[in-house]
Protein backbone atom coordinates (compact mmCIF):
# COMPACT_ATOMS: atom_id res chain seq x y z
CA MET A 1 -78.76 24.82 6.65
CA ALA A 2 -75.18 25.05 7.87
CA GLY A 3 -74.30 22.00 5.78
CA GLU A 4 -75.79 23.63 2.65
CA ASP A 5 -73.86 26.85 3.31
CA ASP A 6 -70.62 24.92 3.74
CA ASP A 7 -71.29 23.05 0.51
CA LYS A 8 -71.88 26.31 -1.37
CA GLN A 9 -68.65 27.74 0.03
CA ASP A 10 -66.77 24.66 -1.22
CA LYS A 11 -68.10 25.18 -4.75
CA THR A 12 -65.24 27.34 -5.96
CA GLU A 13 -64.61 25.79 -9.40
CA ASP A 14 -66.23 26.78 -12.69
CA ALA A 15 -68.66 24.28 -14.16
CA THR A 16 -67.34 21.74 -16.65
CA PRO A 17 -68.87 21.39 -20.14
CA ARG A 18 -70.59 18.19 -19.03
CA LYS A 19 -72.13 19.93 -16.01
CA ARG A 20 -73.42 22.74 -18.25
CA GLN A 21 -74.91 20.26 -20.73
CA ASP A 22 -76.64 18.31 -17.94
CA ALA A 23 -78.06 21.58 -16.58
CA ARG A 24 -79.42 22.51 -20.03
CA GLU A 25 -81.08 19.09 -20.33
CA GLU A 26 -82.69 19.68 -16.93
CA GLY A 27 -84.03 23.03 -18.13
CA GLN A 28 -81.66 25.04 -15.92
CA VAL A 29 -80.71 28.00 -18.11
CA ALA A 30 -80.01 31.72 -17.66
CA LEU A 31 -83.15 33.13 -19.28
CA SER A 32 -84.16 36.70 -18.46
CA THR A 33 -87.90 37.09 -19.00
CA GLU A 34 -87.53 40.79 -18.25
CA LEU A 35 -85.26 41.13 -21.28
CA VAL A 36 -87.82 39.33 -23.45
CA SER A 37 -90.63 41.56 -22.15
CA ALA A 38 -88.62 44.74 -22.66
CA THR A 39 -87.72 43.74 -26.21
CA LEU A 40 -91.35 42.93 -26.97
CA LEU A 41 -92.48 46.31 -25.68
CA TRP A 42 -89.87 48.10 -27.80
CA ALA A 43 -90.83 46.03 -30.82
CA GLY A 44 -94.52 46.68 -30.19
CA LEU A 45 -93.93 50.42 -29.94
CA GLY A 46 -91.94 50.41 -33.16
CA LEU A 47 -94.59 48.39 -34.97
CA LEU A 48 -97.33 50.68 -33.72
CA VAL A 49 -95.38 53.71 -34.93
CA VAL A 50 -94.89 52.09 -38.33
CA GLY A 51 -98.18 50.22 -38.73
CA GLY A 52 -100.44 51.97 -36.26
CA GLY A 53 -102.07 53.92 -39.07
CA ALA A 54 -103.21 50.70 -40.75
CA ILE A 55 -104.69 49.42 -37.50
CA ALA A 56 -106.44 52.74 -36.89
CA GLN A 57 -107.84 52.71 -40.43
CA ALA A 58 -109.10 49.15 -39.97
CA CYS A 59 -110.76 50.07 -36.68
CA GLY A 60 -112.28 53.17 -38.25
CA ALA A 61 -113.59 51.18 -41.20
CA LEU A 62 -115.11 48.65 -38.81
CA VAL A 63 -116.86 51.39 -36.85
CA THR A 64 -118.03 53.13 -40.04
CA ASN A 65 -119.39 49.95 -41.61
CA SER A 66 -121.08 48.97 -38.37
CA ALA A 67 -122.73 52.38 -38.12
CA ASN A 68 -123.86 52.26 -41.74
CA ASP A 69 -125.31 48.78 -41.32
CA LEU A 70 -126.86 49.52 -37.95
CA GLY A 71 -130.23 50.48 -39.43
CA ALA A 72 -130.49 47.33 -41.51
CA LEU A 73 -129.16 45.06 -38.79
CA GLY A 74 -131.60 46.47 -36.26
CA LYS A 75 -134.55 45.11 -38.24
CA LEU A 76 -133.14 41.55 -38.46
CA GLU A 77 -133.23 38.79 -35.91
CA LEU A 78 -129.72 38.04 -34.69
CA ASP A 79 -129.37 34.27 -34.70
CA VAL A 80 -126.20 32.20 -34.30
CA GLN A 81 -125.44 32.16 -38.00
CA SER A 82 -125.87 35.91 -38.38
CA GLY A 83 -123.70 36.58 -35.29
CA ALA A 84 -120.96 34.32 -36.62
CA LEU A 85 -121.07 36.11 -39.97
CA LEU A 86 -120.75 39.51 -38.30
CA PHE A 87 -117.84 38.30 -36.20
CA GLU A 88 -116.16 36.82 -39.28
CA ASN A 89 -116.44 40.11 -41.19
CA ALA A 90 -115.04 42.10 -38.26
CA ALA A 91 -112.18 39.64 -37.77
CA ARG A 92 -111.35 39.79 -41.46
CA MET A 93 -111.16 43.58 -41.40
CA LEU A 94 -108.91 43.71 -38.30
CA GLY A 95 -107.09 40.40 -38.70
CA LEU A 96 -104.53 41.38 -41.31
CA ALA A 97 -103.69 44.65 -39.56
CA LEU A 98 -103.27 42.96 -36.17
CA LEU A 99 -101.34 40.07 -37.74
CA GLY A 100 -98.77 42.57 -39.01
CA VAL A 101 -98.07 43.45 -35.37
CA VAL A 102 -98.53 40.12 -33.57
CA ALA A 103 -96.45 37.96 -35.94
CA PRO A 104 -93.30 40.17 -35.81
CA MET A 105 -93.56 40.42 -32.01
CA TRP A 106 -93.81 36.64 -31.75
CA ALA A 107 -90.73 36.30 -33.96
CA VAL A 108 -88.88 38.86 -31.82
CA ALA A 109 -89.70 36.91 -28.64
CA LEU A 110 -88.31 33.72 -30.18
CA LEU A 111 -85.15 35.44 -31.40
CA VAL A 112 -84.43 37.09 -28.04
CA SER A 113 -84.96 33.81 -26.18
CA TYR A 114 -82.76 31.96 -28.68
CA ALA A 115 -80.03 34.59 -28.36
CA GLN A 116 -79.93 34.01 -24.59
CA ILE A 117 -80.01 30.22 -24.31
CA GLY A 118 -79.91 28.80 -27.83
CA PHE A 119 -82.18 26.00 -29.06
CA GLN A 120 -82.80 23.05 -26.75
CA ILE A 121 -85.69 20.58 -26.60
CA THR A 122 -85.71 18.65 -23.33
CA THR A 123 -88.28 16.40 -21.72
CA LYS A 124 -86.51 16.28 -18.36
CA ALA A 125 -87.69 19.77 -17.47
CA VAL A 126 -91.37 18.78 -17.71
CA ARG A 127 -91.25 15.20 -16.42
CA PHE A 128 -93.06 14.31 -13.20
CA ASP A 129 -90.79 14.66 -10.18
CA PRO A 130 -92.28 13.58 -6.82
CA SER A 131 -89.72 15.69 -4.96
CA ARG A 132 -91.45 18.81 -6.29
CA LEU A 133 -94.48 17.89 -4.19
CA ASP A 134 -92.43 18.10 -1.01
CA PRO A 135 -93.95 21.02 0.98
CA THR A 136 -90.63 21.70 2.72
CA LYS A 137 -88.81 22.21 -0.57
CA GLY A 138 -91.75 24.19 -1.91
CA PHE A 139 -91.59 26.48 1.09
CA LYS A 140 -87.86 27.00 0.54
CA ARG A 141 -88.45 27.82 -3.13
CA LEU A 142 -91.25 30.21 -2.20
CA PHE A 143 -88.98 32.19 0.09
CA GLY A 144 -85.71 31.53 -1.71
CA VAL A 145 -83.22 34.03 -3.01
CA ARG A 146 -84.50 33.77 -6.58
CA VAL A 147 -88.14 34.50 -5.63
CA LEU A 148 -87.03 37.32 -3.35
CA MET A 149 -84.98 38.80 -6.17
CA ARG A 150 -87.93 38.52 -8.55
CA THR A 151 -90.19 40.36 -6.11
CA LEU A 152 -87.60 43.04 -5.50
CA LEU A 153 -87.02 43.44 -9.23
CA ALA A 154 -90.75 43.82 -9.88
CA LEU A 155 -90.97 46.49 -7.19
CA VAL A 156 -87.94 48.30 -8.58
CA LYS A 157 -89.37 48.11 -12.10
CA VAL A 158 -92.66 49.67 -11.03
CA ILE A 159 -90.87 52.45 -9.13
CA VAL A 160 -88.44 53.16 -11.98
CA ILE A 161 -91.24 53.26 -14.56
CA LEU A 162 -93.41 55.58 -12.47
CA VAL A 163 -90.49 57.90 -11.70
CA SER A 164 -89.36 58.04 -15.34
CA MET A 165 -92.89 58.70 -16.62
CA GLY A 166 -93.49 61.28 -13.90
CA CYS A 167 -90.26 63.10 -14.74
CA MET A 168 -91.10 63.11 -18.43
CA ALA A 169 -94.67 64.29 -17.76
CA TRP A 170 -93.33 67.07 -15.53
CA HIS A 171 -90.91 68.08 -18.28
CA GLU A 172 -93.75 68.14 -20.83
CA LEU A 173 -96.20 69.95 -18.54
CA PRO A 174 -95.60 73.40 -20.13
CA LYS A 175 -96.44 71.96 -23.56
CA VAL A 176 -99.65 70.43 -22.19
CA ALA A 177 -100.61 73.75 -20.62
CA ALA A 178 -99.96 75.49 -23.93
CA LEU A 179 -102.56 73.27 -25.58
CA ALA A 180 -105.35 74.77 -23.50
CA GLY A 181 -107.83 76.53 -25.71
CA SER A 182 -106.62 74.79 -28.87
CA GLU A 183 -108.91 73.00 -31.27
CA LEU A 184 -109.57 69.30 -30.79
CA GLY A 185 -107.29 68.13 -33.60
CA PRO A 186 -104.11 69.95 -32.54
CA MET A 187 -104.86 69.17 -28.89
CA LEU A 188 -105.09 65.44 -29.55
CA ASP A 189 -101.96 65.56 -31.68
CA GLY A 190 -100.02 67.35 -28.94
CA LEU A 191 -101.27 65.03 -26.21
CA GLY A 192 -100.34 62.07 -28.40
CA HIS A 193 -96.75 63.31 -28.69
CA VAL A 194 -96.55 63.83 -24.93
CA ALA A 195 -97.92 60.34 -24.30
CA LEU A 196 -95.42 58.90 -26.78
CA ARG A 197 -92.52 60.60 -24.99
CA CYS A 198 -93.73 59.32 -21.62
CA ALA A 199 -94.02 55.82 -23.08
CA GLY A 200 -90.49 56.13 -24.48
CA ALA A 201 -89.16 57.14 -21.06
CA ALA A 202 -90.92 54.14 -19.51
CA LEU A 203 -89.44 51.82 -22.13
CA VAL A 204 -85.94 53.17 -21.48
CA ALA A 205 -86.44 52.48 -17.77
CA ILE A 206 -87.71 48.97 -18.56
CA ALA A 207 -84.66 48.35 -20.77
CA VAL A 208 -82.32 49.36 -17.92
CA VAL A 209 -84.14 47.02 -15.52
CA ALA A 210 -84.04 44.22 -18.12
CA ALA A 211 -80.28 44.66 -18.58
CA GLY A 212 -79.82 44.40 -14.82
CA ASP A 213 -81.99 41.28 -14.68
CA TRP A 214 -80.07 39.66 -17.54
CA SER A 215 -76.75 40.28 -15.77
CA TRP A 216 -78.12 38.93 -12.50
CA GLN A 217 -79.60 35.84 -14.15
CA ARG A 218 -76.27 34.93 -15.74
CA TRP A 219 -74.37 35.56 -12.49
CA GLN A 220 -76.85 33.48 -10.51
CA HIS A 221 -76.78 30.71 -13.11
CA GLU A 222 -72.98 30.52 -13.04
CA ARG A 223 -73.05 30.54 -9.23
CA GLU A 224 -75.52 27.65 -9.11
CA LEU A 225 -73.46 25.63 -11.59
CA ARG A 226 -70.22 25.94 -9.61
CA MET A 227 -68.67 22.65 -8.54
CA THR A 228 -66.44 21.44 -5.76
CA LYS A 229 -63.03 20.00 -6.52
CA ARG A 230 -64.31 16.59 -5.46
CA GLU A 231 -67.17 16.79 -7.97
CA ILE A 232 -64.71 17.62 -10.74
CA ARG A 233 -62.52 14.66 -9.78
CA ASP A 234 -65.54 12.34 -9.64
CA GLU A 235 -66.71 13.53 -13.04
CA ALA A 236 -63.26 13.02 -14.54
CA ARG A 237 -63.17 9.50 -13.14
CA SER A 238 -66.60 8.65 -14.49
CA THR A 239 -65.84 9.96 -17.98
CA GLU A 240 -62.14 9.22 -18.41
CA GLY A 241 -61.45 6.63 -15.73
CA ASP A 242 -59.43 6.81 -12.52
CA PRO A 243 -56.19 8.76 -13.27
CA HIS A 244 -54.26 6.54 -10.85
CA ILE A 245 -55.40 3.44 -12.69
CA LYS A 246 -54.57 5.02 -16.06
CA ALA A 247 -51.12 5.97 -14.80
CA ARG A 248 -50.57 2.43 -13.56
CA VAL A 249 -51.66 1.01 -16.93
CA ARG A 250 -49.23 3.30 -18.74
CA GLN A 251 -46.45 2.27 -16.37
CA VAL A 252 -47.15 -1.42 -16.97
CA GLN A 253 -47.17 -0.82 -20.73
CA ARG A 254 -43.81 0.94 -20.53
CA GLU A 255 -42.36 -1.89 -18.46
CA MET A 256 -43.60 -4.51 -20.94
CA ALA A 257 -42.18 -2.52 -23.87
CA GLN A 258 -38.87 -2.19 -22.04
CA ARG A 259 -38.73 -5.92 -21.36
CA ARG A 260 -39.39 -6.67 -25.03
CA MET A 261 -36.68 -4.19 -25.97
CA MET A 262 -34.18 -5.73 -23.56
CA SER A 263 -34.89 -9.21 -24.95
CA ASP A 264 -33.72 -7.97 -28.38
CA VAL A 265 -30.44 -6.51 -27.11
CA PRO A 266 -28.57 -9.90 -27.15
CA LYS A 267 -29.50 -10.20 -30.85
CA ALA A 268 -27.91 -6.83 -31.66
CA THR A 269 -24.79 -6.48 -33.78
CA VAL A 270 -23.40 -3.51 -31.89
CA VAL A 271 -24.43 -1.02 -29.17
CA ILE A 272 -23.37 2.57 -29.84
CA THR A 273 -22.94 4.69 -26.71
CA ASN A 274 -21.99 8.26 -25.84
CA PRO A 275 -20.76 6.62 -23.34
CA THR A 276 -22.85 7.40 -20.22
CA HIS A 277 -26.16 8.98 -21.20
CA TYR A 278 -27.19 7.32 -24.48
CA ALA A 279 -27.19 3.78 -25.82
CA VAL A 280 -28.56 2.58 -29.18
CA ALA A 281 -28.48 -1.11 -30.15
CA LEU A 282 -28.31 -1.95 -33.88
CA ARG A 283 -28.85 -5.27 -35.63
CA TYR A 284 -27.46 -5.85 -39.09
CA GLU A 285 -28.31 -9.11 -40.88
CA ARG A 286 -26.33 -10.59 -43.78
CA ASP A 287 -26.87 -13.68 -45.88
CA ALA A 288 -24.45 -16.57 -46.22
CA GLN A 289 -22.55 -14.88 -49.07
CA GLY A 290 -22.01 -11.79 -46.95
CA LYS A 291 -24.35 -9.66 -48.95
CA LYS A 292 -26.56 -7.25 -47.10
CA LYS A 293 -30.27 -7.91 -46.78
CA ARG A 294 -31.31 -4.45 -45.56
CA ALA A 295 -30.06 -1.42 -43.62
CA PRO A 296 -29.26 -1.78 -39.92
CA VAL A 297 -32.29 -1.70 -37.63
CA VAL A 298 -32.60 -0.07 -34.20
CA VAL A 299 -33.66 -2.80 -31.75
CA ALA A 300 -33.23 -0.85 -28.48
CA LYS A 301 -32.43 2.64 -27.27
CA GLY A 302 -32.49 4.57 -24.02
CA VAL A 303 -30.98 7.28 -21.88
CA ASP A 304 -29.44 7.32 -18.41
CA LEU A 305 -30.60 4.26 -16.41
CA VAL A 306 -32.14 2.55 -19.43
CA ALA A 307 -28.92 3.13 -21.35
CA GLN A 308 -26.91 1.59 -18.54
CA ARG A 309 -29.26 -1.40 -18.51
CA ILE A 310 -28.85 -1.85 -22.30
CA LYS A 311 -25.06 -1.80 -21.98
CA GLN A 312 -25.12 -4.32 -19.13
CA VAL A 313 -27.31 -6.73 -21.12
CA ALA A 314 -25.03 -6.27 -24.13
CA ARG A 315 -21.93 -7.10 -22.04
CA ASP A 316 -23.59 -10.22 -20.66
CA ALA A 317 -24.43 -11.31 -24.23
CA ASP A 318 -20.94 -10.42 -25.60
CA VAL A 319 -22.42 -7.74 -27.88
CA PRO A 320 -19.69 -5.18 -28.80
CA LEU A 321 -19.98 -1.64 -27.38
CA PHE A 322 -18.75 1.23 -29.53
CA GLU A 323 -18.38 4.76 -28.18
CA ASP A 324 -19.40 7.51 -30.60
CA VAL A 325 -21.07 10.52 -28.95
CA PRO A 326 -22.46 12.34 -32.04
CA LEU A 327 -23.68 9.12 -33.69
CA ALA A 328 -25.37 7.86 -30.51
CA ARG A 329 -27.20 11.15 -30.04
CA ALA A 330 -28.22 11.31 -33.73
CA LEU A 331 -29.54 7.75 -33.78
CA HIS A 332 -31.48 8.28 -30.55
CA ALA A 333 -33.07 11.50 -31.85
CA GLN A 334 -33.88 10.34 -35.40
CA CYS A 335 -34.86 6.70 -34.95
CA GLU A 336 -37.54 4.80 -33.12
CA ILE A 337 -37.33 1.13 -32.17
CA GLY A 338 -37.83 -0.95 -35.31
CA ASP A 339 -36.71 1.83 -37.68
CA GLU A 340 -33.93 1.42 -40.17
CA VAL A 341 -30.94 3.72 -39.93
CA PRO A 342 -31.56 6.87 -41.99
CA GLU A 343 -29.57 7.26 -45.18
CA ALA A 344 -27.75 10.30 -43.82
CA LEU A 345 -26.12 8.10 -41.16
CA TYR A 346 -25.22 5.18 -43.44
CA GLN A 347 -21.56 6.09 -43.75
CA ALA A 348 -21.01 6.55 -40.01
CA VAL A 349 -22.83 3.32 -39.14
CA ALA A 350 -20.98 1.43 -41.89
CA ALA A 351 -17.64 2.52 -40.37
CA VAL A 352 -18.78 1.21 -36.97
CA LEU A 353 -19.90 -2.11 -38.43
CA ALA A 354 -16.65 -2.47 -40.36
CA TYR A 355 -14.70 -1.94 -37.15
CA VAL A 356 -16.86 -4.51 -35.30
CA TYR A 357 -16.46 -7.13 -38.04
CA ARG A 358 -12.71 -6.53 -38.17
CA VAL A 359 -12.37 -6.99 -34.42
CA GLN A 360 -14.54 -10.08 -34.45
CA GLY A 361 -12.51 -11.51 -37.34
CA GLU A 362 -9.26 -10.95 -35.53
CA ALA A 363 -10.71 -12.59 -32.44
CA VAL A 364 -11.75 -15.63 -34.46
CA ARG A 365 -8.27 -15.98 -36.04
CA ALA A 366 -6.66 -15.67 -32.65
């Protein structure tokens, strides 16, 4: 028990979407049956107020027809066929009236349940689980917090309903006393209104209890779905992979890309620097007649330590370094490796290349 309490105390994190989906598939949802019952009672009362007259008329017609046919039916032998026919006639007379009440209440129950938990068809909730036959676990469920709360809620509901109806009846007692000596019709009408008010008070009390049960069900559901930090890490690893491994893979990919980039630096025409923080290596190819083939291409770029590495490789390969702070920053910001120099920087890059070719030409003549 102490281990379970410690585990519950460690569950301080909100449930992940995957945890919630798994719980739904297992049938673990925050459904308040009290809210469904309260809504059905309110709907039933409303339907009786609206369509109660039709039901009363159908019942009255059934009684009247039965009384009228009583003399004739008393002289006949009641066999199975005759009994079925009588039952069919009675059901036909009451069926439509009762269907006008039952069908809307059934629809209301579905809508209220759907509004709480949505639509979900799962077979996991009804599959055979041998662990449910464990008497120890059954004993714990029988005396668990949820069952205790259900019992307490039922007791509170009965008390609240009785108190509310008693208060309403006490409030209406003078009106009931005033009906003494009245004719049967007005007396029944007055008693009906008193009963309706008492029923309304009871329904209000039931609605309050249902709202409390709905809030408690959602709180309890969220509490049961809470996860420990370790569970969240394990879930992330199972769905997305180990973050340490992913970080290592990204690091290896960066190192491979950097090695490929460094292998292209000796082929560069010039490396433009700022001079300490940025370095951008450009390659410009020309044909034998000296005509350009395309715009200069960025073959390497970097900042800080990578920039220093690019410059060192360029020095070892006798690639010229040219210091131009604005151009180095602009090329680094606007170009990726493999991109051609943007047209807006053509003129500045052309001046750098012209200077490099002039220096190289002078070196060759010397």
